[in-house]
Amino acid sequence: MKLTRLVGECQDGSCPTIYATDRGALAVQGSRISSHGLEIPSHETLVEISVELIRKAARDHIA
């Protein structure tokens, strides 16, 4: 899979970031949430990113 960085909170790749995939989807890098009380499949996880990062990605990169 090829990832293209759309927007992030820092430049070195160690901060919350949103990527576009070559499959027409988004990939999100953020802090893993472990205390959520939900039952999710073992192959999935929840991450937390700022609302402002979503706004910036939608405003600047997502049509």
PDB file of N, CA and C in Angstrom:
ATOM      1  N   MET A   1       0.845  -1.168   0.000  1.00  0.00           N
ATOM      2  CA  MET A   1       0.000   0.000   0.000  1.00  0.00           C
ATOM      3  C   MET A   1       0.895   1.238   0.000  1.00  0.00           C
ATOM      4  N   LYS A   2       0.531   2.222  -0.811  1.00  0.00           N
ATOM      5  CA  LYS A   2       1.260   3.484  -0.839  1.00  0.00           C
ATOM      6  C   LYS A   2       0.488   4.513  -0.027  1.00  0.00           C
ATOM      7  N   LEU A   3       1.172   5.209   0.874  1.00  0.00           N
ATOM      8  CA  LEU A   3       0.573   6.261   1.684  1.00  0.00           C
ATOM      9  C   LEU A   3       1.144   7.608   1.275  1.00  0.00           C
ATOM     10  N   THR A   4       0.276   8.601   1.158  1.00  0.00           N
ATOM     11  CA  THR A   4       0.692   9.963   0.865  1.00  0.00           C
ATOM     12  C   THR A   4       0.255  10.845   2.023  1.00  0.00           C
ATOM     13  N   ARG A   5       1.206  11.511   2.645  1.00  0.00           N
ATOM     14  CA  ARG A   5       0.901  12.368   3.797  1.00  0.00           C
ATOM     15  C   ARG A   5       0.047  13.545   3.332  1.00  0.00           C
ATOM     16  N   LEU A   6      -1.111  13.724   3.982  1.00  0.00           N
ATOM     17  CA  LEU A   6      -1.969  14.862   3.684  1.00  0.00           C
ATOM     18  C   LEU A   6      -1.720  16.003   4.654  1.00  0.00           C
ATOM     19  N   VAL A   7      -1.780  15.683   5.941  1.00  0.00           N
ATOM     20  CA  VAL A   7      -1.638  16.703   6.963  1.00  0.00           C
ATOM     21  C   VAL A   7      -1.194  16.032   8.260  1.00  0.00           C
ATOM     22  N   GLY A   8      -0.373  16.738   9.016  1.00  0.00           N
ATOM     23  CA  GLY A   8       0.085  16.215  10.289  1.00  0.00           C
ATOM     24  C   GLY A   8       0.373  17.338  11.257  1.00  0.00           C
ATOM     25  N   GLU A   9       0.597  16.961  12.493  1.00  0.00           N
ATOM     26  CA  GLU A   9       0.862  17.961  13.523  1.00  0.00           C
ATOM     27  C   GLU A   9       2.350  18.200  13.730  1.00  0.00           C
ATOM     28  N   CYS A  10       3.197  17.472  13.008  1.00  0.00           N
ATOM     29  CA  CYS A  10       4.634  17.728  13.003  1.00  0.00           C
ATOM     30  C   CYS A  10       5.206  17.162  11.704  1.00  0.00           C
ATOM     31  N   GLN A  11       6.450  17.419  11.443  1.00  0.00           N
ATOM     32  CA  GLN A  11       7.057  17.010  10.177  1.00  0.00           C
ATOM     33  C   GLN A  11       7.845  15.713  10.256  1.00  0.00           C
ATOM     34  N   ASP A  12       8.154  15.219  11.461  1.00  0.00           N
ATOM     35  CA  ASP A  12       9.053  14.064  11.558  1.00  0.00           C
ATOM     36  C   ASP A  12       8.347  12.706  11.543  1.00  0.00           C
ATOM     37  N   GLY A  13       7.011  12.689  11.419  1.00  0.00           N
ATOM     38  CA  GLY A  13       6.289  11.427  11.324  1.00  0.00           C
ATOM     39  C   GLY A  13       5.964  10.762  12.641  1.00  0.00           C
ATOM     40  N   SER A  14       6.223  11.430  13.760  1.00  0.00           N
ATOM     41  CA  SER A  14       5.944  10.810  15.057  1.00  0.00           C
ATOM     42  C   SER A  14       4.746  11.461  15.752  1.00  0.00           C
ATOM     43  N   CYS A  15       3.935  12.194  15.010  1.00  0.00           N
ATOM     44  CA  CYS A  15       2.772  12.887  15.568  1.00  0.00           C
ATOM     45  C   CYS A  15       1.517  12.475  14.809  1.00  0.00           C
ATOM     46  N   PRO A  16       0.341  12.806  15.339  1.00  0.00           N
ATOM     47  CA  PRO A  16      -0.888  12.496  14.615  1.00  0.00           C
ATOM     48  C   PRO A  16      -0.821  13.000  13.170  1.00  0.00           C
ATOM     49  N   THR A  17      -1.178  12.121  12.242  1.00  0.00           N
ATOM     50  CA  THR A  17      -1.066  12.414  10.814  1.00  0.00           C
ATOM     51  C   THR A  17      -2.197  11.716  10.073  1.00  0.00           C
ATOM     52  N   ILE A  18      -2.662  12.333   9.002  1.00  0.00           N
ATOM     53  CA  ILE A  18      -3.648  11.711   8.117  1.00  0.00           C
ATOM     54  C   ILE A  18      -2.985  11.497   6.759  1.00  0.00           C
ATOM     55  N   TYR A  19      -3.129  10.263   6.248  1.00  0.00           N
ATOM     56  CA  TYR A  19      -2.554   9.884   4.960  1.00  0.00           C
ATOM     57  C   TYR A  19      -3.676   9.476   4.010  1.00  0.00           C
ATOM     58  N   ALA A  20      -3.459   9.687   2.712  1.00  0.00           N
ATOM     59  CA  ALA A  20      -4.318   9.116   1.679  1.00  0.00           C
ATOM     60  C   ALA A  20      -3.660   7.818   1.231  1.00  0.00           C
ATOM     61  N   THR A  21      -4.463   6.794   0.995  1.00  0.00           N
ATOM     62  CA  THR A  21      -3.921   5.533   0.492  1.00  0.00           C
ATOM     63  C   THR A  21      -4.115   5.458  -1.021  1.00  0.00           C
ATOM     64  N   ASP A  22      -3.397   4.550  -1.638  1.00  0.00           N
ATOM     65  CA  ASP A  22      -3.566   4.351  -3.075  1.00  0.00           C
ATOM     66  C   ASP A  22      -4.809   3.516  -3.375  1.00  0.00           C
ATOM     67  N   ARG A  23      -5.614   3.240  -2.364  1.00  0.00           N
ATOM     68  CA  ARG A  23      -6.871   2.504  -2.534  1.00  0.00           C
ATOM     69  C   ARG A  23      -8.088   3.412  -2.372  1.00  0.00           C
ATOM     70  N   GLY A  24      -7.856   4.733  -2.341  1.00  0.00           N
ATOM     71  CA  GLY A  24      -8.954   5.678  -2.207  1.00  0.00           C
ATOM     72  C   GLY A  24      -9.508   5.799  -0.809  1.00  0.00           C
ATOM     73  N   ALA A  25      -8.695   5.550   0.193  1.00  0.00           N
ATOM     74  CA  ALA A  25      -9.122   5.621   1.587  1.00  0.00           C
ATOM     75  C   ALA A  25      -8.154   6.510   2.367  1.00  0.00           C
ATOM     76  N   LEU A  26      -8.427   6.674   3.645  1.00  0.00           N
ATOM     77  CA  LEU A  26      -7.552   7.426   4.539  1.00  0.00           C
ATOM     78  C   LEU A  26      -6.970   6.497   5.583  1.00  0.00           C
ATOM     79  N   ALA A  27      -5.741   6.772   5.981  1.00  0.00           N
ATOM     80  CA  ALA A  27      -5.099   6.083   7.096  1.00  0.00           C
ATOM     81  C   ALA A  27      -4.771   7.155   8.137  1.00  0.00           C
ATOM     82  N   VAL A  28      -5.011   6.831   9.404  1.00  0.00           N
ATOM     83  CA  VAL A  28      -4.829   7.803  10.475  1.00  0.00           C
ATOM     84  C   VAL A  28      -3.806   7.287  11.464  1.00  0.00           C
ATOM     85  N   GLN A  29      -2.838   8.129  11.784  1.00  0.00           N
ATOM     86  CA  GLN A  29      -1.839   7.830  12.813  1.00  0.00           C
ATOM     87  C   GLN A  29      -2.161   8.711  14.012  1.00  0.00           C
ATOM     88  N   GLY A  30      -2.280   8.102  15.177  1.00  0.00           N
ATOM     89  CA  GLY A  30      -2.578   8.862  16.382  1.00  0.00           C
ATOM     90  C   GLY A  30      -2.252   8.047  17.615  1.00  0.00           C
ATOM     91  N   SER A  31      -2.609   8.581  18.747  1.00  0.00           N
ATOM     92  CA  SER A  31      -2.378   7.889  20.015  1.00  0.00           C
ATOM     93  C   SER A  31      -3.411   6.789  20.189  1.00  0.00           C
ATOM     94  N   ARG A  32      -2.954   5.569  20.463  1.00  0.00           N
ATOM     95  CA  ARG A  32      -3.865   4.440  20.657  1.00  0.00           C
ATOM     96  C   ARG A  32      -4.707   4.669  21.904  1.00  0.00           C
ATOM     97  N   ILE A  33      -6.007   4.390  21.769  1.00  0.00           N
ATOM     98  CA  ILE A  33      -6.944   4.504  22.890  1.00  0.00           C
ATOM     99  C   ILE A  33      -7.171   3.099  23.431  1.00  0.00           C
ATOM    100  N   SER A  34      -6.874   2.892  24.708  1.00  0.00           N
ATOM    101  CA  SER A  34      -7.015   1.552  25.266  1.00  0.00           C
ATOM    102  C   SER A  34      -8.205   1.433  26.218  1.00  0.00           C
ATOM    103  N   SER A  35      -8.629   2.508  26.814  1.00  0.00           N
ATOM    104  CA  SER A  35      -9.742   2.472  27.770  1.00  0.00           C
ATOM    105  C   SER A  35     -10.984   3.070  27.132  1.00  0.00           C
ATOM    106  N   HIS A  36     -11.625   2.303  26.243  1.00  0.00           N
ATOM    107  CA  HIS A  36     -12.769   2.835  25.520  1.00  0.00           C
ATOM    108  C   HIS A  36     -14.064   2.091  25.816  1.00  0.00           C
ATOM    109  N   GLY A  37     -14.004   0.919  26.380  1.00  0.00           N
ATOM    110  CA  GLY A  37     -15.196   0.177  26.740  1.00  0.00           C
ATOM    111  C   GLY A  37     -15.967  -0.411  25.567  1.00  0.00           C
ATOM    112  N   LEU A  38     -15.394  -0.378  24.373  1.00  0.00           N
ATOM    113  CA  LEU A  38     -16.059  -0.927  23.190  1.00  0.00           C
ATOM    114  C   LEU A  38     -15.511  -2.304  22.865  1.00  0.00           C
ATOM    115  N   GLU A  39     -16.297  -3.083  22.162  1.00  0.00           N
ATOM    116  CA  GLU A  39     -15.817  -4.358  21.652  1.00  0.00           C
ATOM    117  C   GLU A  39     -15.545  -4.182  20.169  1.00  0.00           C
ATOM    118  N   ILE A  40     -14.270  -4.177  19.801  1.00  0.00           N
ATOM    119  CA  ILE A  40     -13.901  -4.026  18.404  1.00  0.00           C
ATOM    120  C   ILE A  40     -13.083  -5.239  17.983  1.00  0.00           C
ATOM    121  N   PRO A  41     -13.083  -5.567  16.694  1.00  0.00           N
ATOM    122  CA  PRO A  41     -12.336  -6.734  16.226  1.00  0.00           C
ATOM    123  C   PRO A  41     -10.845  -6.624  16.563  1.00  0.00           C
ATOM    124  N   SER A  42     -10.197  -7.747  16.769  1.00  0.00           N
ATOM    125  CA  SER A  42      -8.784  -7.753  17.167  1.00  0.00           C
ATOM    126  C   SER A  42      -7.867  -7.173  16.098  1.00  0.00           C
ATOM    127  N   HIS A  43      -8.305  -7.150  14.842  1.00  0.00           N
ATOM    128  CA  HIS A  43      -7.467  -6.596  13.777  1.00  0.00           C
ATOM    129  C   HIS A  43      -7.653  -5.082  13.609  1.00  0.00           C
ATOM    130  N   GLU A  44      -8.472  -4.465  14.453  1.00  0.00           N
ATOM    131  CA  GLU A  44      -8.694  -3.026  14.409  1.00  0.00           C
ATOM    132  C   GLU A  44      -8.248  -2.390  15.718  1.00  0.00           C
ATOM    133  N   THR A  45      -8.043  -1.071  15.683  1.00  0.00           N
ATOM    134  CA  THR A  45      -7.725  -0.317  16.891  1.00  0.00           C
ATOM    135  C   THR A  45      -8.337   1.067  16.775  1.00  0.00           C
ATOM    136  N   LEU A  46      -8.461   1.744  17.874  1.00  0.00           N
ATOM    137  CA  LEU A  46      -8.932   3.123  17.897  1.00  0.00           C
ATOM    138  C   LEU A  46      -7.752   4.031  18.159  1.00  0.00           C
ATOM    139  N   VAL A  47      -7.693   5.153  17.460  1.00  0.00           N
ATOM    140  CA  VAL A  47      -6.673   6.159  17.709  1.00  0.00           C
ATOM    141  C   VAL A  47      -7.342   7.502  17.895  1.00  0.00           C
ATOM    142  N   GLU A  48      -6.658   8.386  18.583  1.00  0.00           N
ATOM    143  CA  GLU A  48      -7.186   9.716  18.845  1.00  0.00           C
ATOM    144  C   GLU A  48      -6.325  10.742  18.125  1.00  0.00           C
ATOM    145  N   ILE A  49      -7.006  11.648  17.411  1.00  0.00           N
ATOM    146  CA  ILE A  49      -6.339  12.781  16.781  1.00  0.00           C
ATOM    147  C   ILE A  49      -7.198  14.011  17.058  1.00  0.00           C
ATOM    148  N   SER A  50      -6.661  15.179  16.833  1.00  0.00           N
ATOM    149  CA  SER A  50      -7.402  16.407  17.119  1.00  0.00           C
ATOM    150  C   SER A  50      -8.458  16.678  16.050  1.00  0.00           C
ATOM    151  N   VAL A  51      -9.529  17.317  16.449  1.00  0.00           N
ATOM    152  CA  VAL A  51     -10.566  17.727  15.521  1.00  0.00           C
ATOM    153  C   VAL A  51      -9.978  18.695  14.497  1.00  0.00           C
ATOM    154  N   GLU A  52      -9.074  19.555  14.923  1.00  0.00           N
ATOM    155  CA  GLU A  52      -8.462  20.521  14.007  1.00  0.00           C
ATOM    156  C   GLU A  52      -7.704  19.821  12.884  1.00  0.00           C
ATOM    157  N   LEU A  53      -7.086  18.683  13.158  1.00  0.00           N
ATOM    158  CA  LEU A  53      -6.383  17.935  12.108  1.00  0.00           C
ATOM    159  C   LEU A  53      -7.372  17.437  11.059  1.00  0.00           C
ATOM    160  N   ILE A  54      -8.535  16.962  11.492  1.00  0.00           N
ATOM    161  CA  ILE A  54      -9.579  16.536  10.562  1.00  0.00           C
ATOM    162  C   ILE A  54     -10.066  17.734   9.736  1.00  0.00           C
ATOM    163  N   ARG A  55     -10.301  18.850  10.396  1.00  0.00           N
ATOM    164  CA  ARG A  55     -10.759  20.047   9.676  1.00  0.00           C
ATOM    165  C   ARG A  55      -9.754  20.481   8.612  1.00  0.00           C
ATOM    166  N   LYS A  56      -8.484  20.490   8.983  1.00  0.00           N
ATOM    167  CA  LYS A  56      -7.444  20.906   8.039  1.00  0.00           C
ATOM    168  C   LYS A  56      -7.361  19.949   6.857  1.00  0.00           C
ATOM    169  N   ALA A  57      -7.439  18.653   7.121  1.00  0.00           N
ATOM    170  CA  ALA A  57      -7.397  17.678   6.025  1.00  0.00           C
ATOM    171  C   ALA A  57      -8.596  17.850   5.100  1.00  0.00           C
ATOM    172  N   ALA A  58      -9.781  18.036   5.683  1.00  0.00           N
ATOM    173  CA  ALA A  58     -10.990  18.197   4.865  1.00  0.00           C
ATOM    174  C   ALA A  58     -10.936  19.500   4.072  1.00  0.00           C
ATOM    175  N   ARG A  59     -10.469  20.550   4.688  1.00  0.00           N
ATOM    176  CA  ARG A  59     -10.411  21.858   4.032  1.00  0.00           C
ATOM    177  C   ARG A  59      -9.366  21.876   2.913  1.00  0.00           C
ATOM    178  N   ASP A  60      -8.210  21.281   3.147  1.00  0.00           N
ATOM    179  CA  ASP A  60      -7.088  21.417   2.219  1.00  0.00           C
ATOM    180  C   ASP A  60      -6.902  20.258   1.257  1.00  0.00           C
ATOM    181  N   HIS A  61      -7.429  19.075   1.574  1.00  0.00           N
ATOM    182  CA  HIS A  61      -7.049  17.891   0.786  1.00  0.00           C
ATOM    183  C   HIS A  61      -8.180  16.976   0.364  1.00  0.00           C
ATOM    184  N   ILE A  62      -9.315  17.031   1.026  1.00  0.00           N
ATOM    185  CA  ILE A  62     -10.372  16.069   0.728  1.00  0.00           C
ATOM    186  C   ILE A  62     -11.498  16.779  -0.007  1.00  0.00           C
ATOM    187  N   ALA A  63     -11.756  16.352  -1.211  1.00  0.00           N
ATOM    188  CA  ALA A  63     -12.792  17.013  -2.016  1.00  0.00           C
ATOM    189  C   ALA A  63     -14.153  16.438  -1.730  1.00  0.00           C
TER     190      ALA A  63
END
